[in-house]
């Protein structure tokens, strides 16, 4: 018969506890994370604002091109009638 050997126990990262930190250190880390998140949110809001301004500029440019094309069409019609 085969001998019954007990398999060695292996610890995994999920069963190991994280090192203990003081309440002050924990709150300091939370505050730093919140500050970083706030800054990221401000940068994202600025990027959205910049994108909206760029779209508005494109709309103005598109309207100008449409107007120029319309002027060309009317000019061509006017030349044909003369």
C-alpha atoms as a PDB file:
ATOM      1  CA  UNK A   1       0.000   0.000   0.000  1.00  0.00           C
ATOM      2  CA  UNK A   2       1.080   3.510  -0.629  1.00  0.00           C
ATOM      3  CA  UNK A   3       2.146   5.489   2.353  1.00  0.00           C
ATOM      4  CA  UNK A   4      -0.206   8.255   3.325  1.00  0.00           C
ATOM      5  CA  UNK A   5       1.836  11.400   3.435  1.00  0.00           C
ATOM      6  CA  UNK A   6       0.299  14.672   4.396  1.00  0.00           C
ATOM      7  CA  UNK A   7       0.762  17.348   1.718  1.00  0.00           C
ATOM      8  CA  UNK A   8       2.658  20.386   2.960  1.00  0.00           C
ATOM      9  CA  UNK A   9       0.499  23.406   3.632  1.00  0.00           C
ATOM     10  CA  UNK A  10       1.161  26.358   1.379  1.00  0.00           C
ATOM     11  CA  UNK A  11       0.241  29.851   2.342  1.00  0.00           C
ATOM     12  CA  UNK A  12      -1.346  32.018  -0.312  1.00  0.00           C
ATOM     13  CA  UNK A  13      -1.452  35.762  -0.630  1.00  0.00           C
ATOM     14  CA  UNK A  14      -5.204  35.767  -0.095  1.00  0.00           C
ATOM     15  CA  UNK A  15      -4.897  34.175   3.339  1.00  0.00           C
ATOM     16  CA  UNK A  16      -2.050  36.367   4.516  1.00  0.00           C
ATOM     17  CA  UNK A  17      -2.975  39.528   6.338  1.00  0.00           C
ATOM     18  CA  UNK A  18      -1.699  42.903   5.235  1.00  0.00           C
ATOM     19  CA  UNK A  19       0.668  44.629   7.618  1.00  0.00           C
ATOM     20  CA  UNK A  20      -1.128  46.617  10.283  1.00  0.00           C
ATOM     21  CA  UNK A  21      -1.117  50.386   9.914  1.00  0.00           C
ATOM     22  CA  UNK A  22      -2.073  52.972  12.457  1.00  0.00           C
ATOM     23  CA  UNK A  23      -5.359  54.810  12.227  1.00  0.00           C
ATOM     24  CA  UNK A  24      -3.473  58.042  11.502  1.00  0.00           C
ATOM     25  CA  UNK A  25      -1.535  56.414   8.651  1.00  0.00           C
ATOM     26  CA  UNK A  26      -4.730  54.898   7.282  1.00  0.00           C
ATOM     27  CA  UNK A  27      -6.506  58.280   7.333  1.00  0.00           C
ATOM     28  CA  UNK A  28      -3.463  59.928   5.751  1.00  0.00           C
ATOM     29  CA  UNK A  29      -3.555  57.403   2.902  1.00  0.00           C
ATOM     30  CA  UNK A  30      -7.291  57.919   2.432  1.00  0.00           C
ATOM     31  CA  UNK A  31      -6.807  61.699   2.325  1.00  0.00           C
ATOM     32  CA  UNK A  32      -3.970  61.366  -0.219  1.00  0.00           C
ATOM     33  CA  UNK A  33      -6.098  59.054  -2.368  1.00  0.00           C
ATOM     34  CA  UNK A  34      -9.018  61.465  -2.194  1.00  0.00           C
ATOM     35  CA  UNK A  35      -6.745  64.351  -3.164  1.00  0.00           C
ATOM     36  CA  UNK A  36      -5.460  62.372  -6.155  1.00  0.00           C
ATOM     37  CA  UNK A  37      -9.002  61.460  -7.186  1.00  0.00           C
ATOM     38  CA  UNK A  38     -10.112  65.092  -6.919  1.00  0.00           C
ATOM     39  CA  UNK A  39      -7.196  66.213  -9.084  1.00  0.00           C
ATOM     40  CA  UNK A  40      -7.974  63.516 -11.663  1.00  0.00           C
ATOM     41  CA  UNK A  41     -11.620  64.634 -11.712  1.00  0.00           C
ATOM     42  CA  UNK A  42     -10.554  68.254 -12.262  1.00  0.00           C
ATOM     43  CA  UNK A  43      -8.290  67.216 -15.148  1.00  0.00           C
ATOM     44  CA  UNK A  44     -11.097  65.148 -16.680  1.00  0.00           C
ATOM     45  CA  UNK A  45     -13.545  68.056 -16.391  1.00  0.00           C
ATOM     46  CA  UNK A  46     -10.997  70.348 -18.070  1.00  0.00           C
ATOM     47  CA  UNK A  47     -10.532  67.825 -20.887  1.00  0.00           C
ATOM     48  CA  UNK A  48     -14.301  67.639 -21.410  1.00  0.00           C
ATOM     49  CA  UNK A  49     -14.514  71.425 -21.435  1.00  0.00           C
ATOM     50  CA  UNK A  50     -11.680  71.644 -23.970  1.00  0.00           C
ATOM     51  CA  UNK A  51     -13.346  69.005 -26.146  1.00  0.00           C
ATOM     52  CA  UNK A  52     -16.648  70.894 -26.081  1.00  0.00           C
ATOM     53  CA  UNK A  53     -14.858  74.099 -27.093  1.00  0.00           C
ATOM     54  CA  UNK A  54     -13.148  72.245 -29.947  1.00  0.00           C
ATOM     55  CA  UNK A  55     -16.501  70.897 -31.153  1.00  0.00           C
ATOM     56  CA  UNK A  56     -17.962  74.399 -31.034  1.00  0.00           C
ATOM     57  CA  UNK A  57     -15.021  75.680 -33.090  1.00  0.00           C
ATOM     58  CA  UNK A  58     -15.543  72.876 -35.617  1.00  0.00           C
ATOM     59  CA  UNK A  59     -19.234  73.737 -35.869  1.00  0.00           C
ATOM     60  CA  UNK A  60     -18.348  77.373 -36.593  1.00  0.00           C
ATOM     61  CA  UNK A  61     -15.819  76.292 -39.220  1.00  0.00           C
ATOM     62  CA  UNK A  62     -18.322  73.914 -40.801  1.00  0.00           C
ATOM     63  CA  UNK A  63     -20.946  76.672 -40.962  1.00  0.00           C
ATOM     64  CA  UNK A  64     -18.389  78.957 -42.622  1.00  0.00           C
ATOM     65  CA  UNK A  65     -17.598  76.297 -45.225  1.00  0.00           C
ATOM     66  CA  UNK A  66     -21.307  75.771 -45.875  1.00  0.00           C
ATOM     67  CA  UNK A  67     -21.774  79.530 -46.288  1.00  0.00           C
ATOM     68  CA  UNK A  68     -18.819  79.719 -48.671  1.00  0.00           C
ATOM     69  CA  UNK A  69     -20.203  76.834 -50.727  1.00  0.00           C
ATOM     70  CA  UNK A  70     -23.590  78.517 -50.861  1.00  0.00           C
ATOM     71  CA  UNK A  71     -21.970  81.756 -52.048  1.00  0.00           C
ATOM     72  CA  UNK A  72     -20.165  79.804 -54.774  1.00  0.00           C
ATOM     73  CA  UNK A  73     -23.418  78.224 -55.926  1.00  0.00           C
ATOM     74  CA  UNK A  74     -25.216  81.575 -56.046  1.00  0.00           C
ATOM     75  CA  UNK A  75     -22.258  83.195 -57.805  1.00  0.00           C
ATOM     76  CA  UNK A  76     -22.254  80.480 -60.460  1.00  0.00           C
ATOM     77  CA  UNK A  77     -26.008  80.855 -60.952  1.00  0.00           C
ATOM     78  CA  UNK A  78     -25.652  84.618 -61.229  1.00  0.00           C
ATOM     79  CA  UNK A  79     -22.881  84.271 -63.829  1.00  0.00           C
ATOM     80  CA  UNK A  80     -25.055  81.869 -65.839  1.00  0.00           C
ATOM     81  CA  UNK A  81     -27.967  84.287 -65.859  1.00  0.00           C
ATOM     82  CA  UNK A  82     -25.892  87.207 -67.051  1.00  0.00           C
END
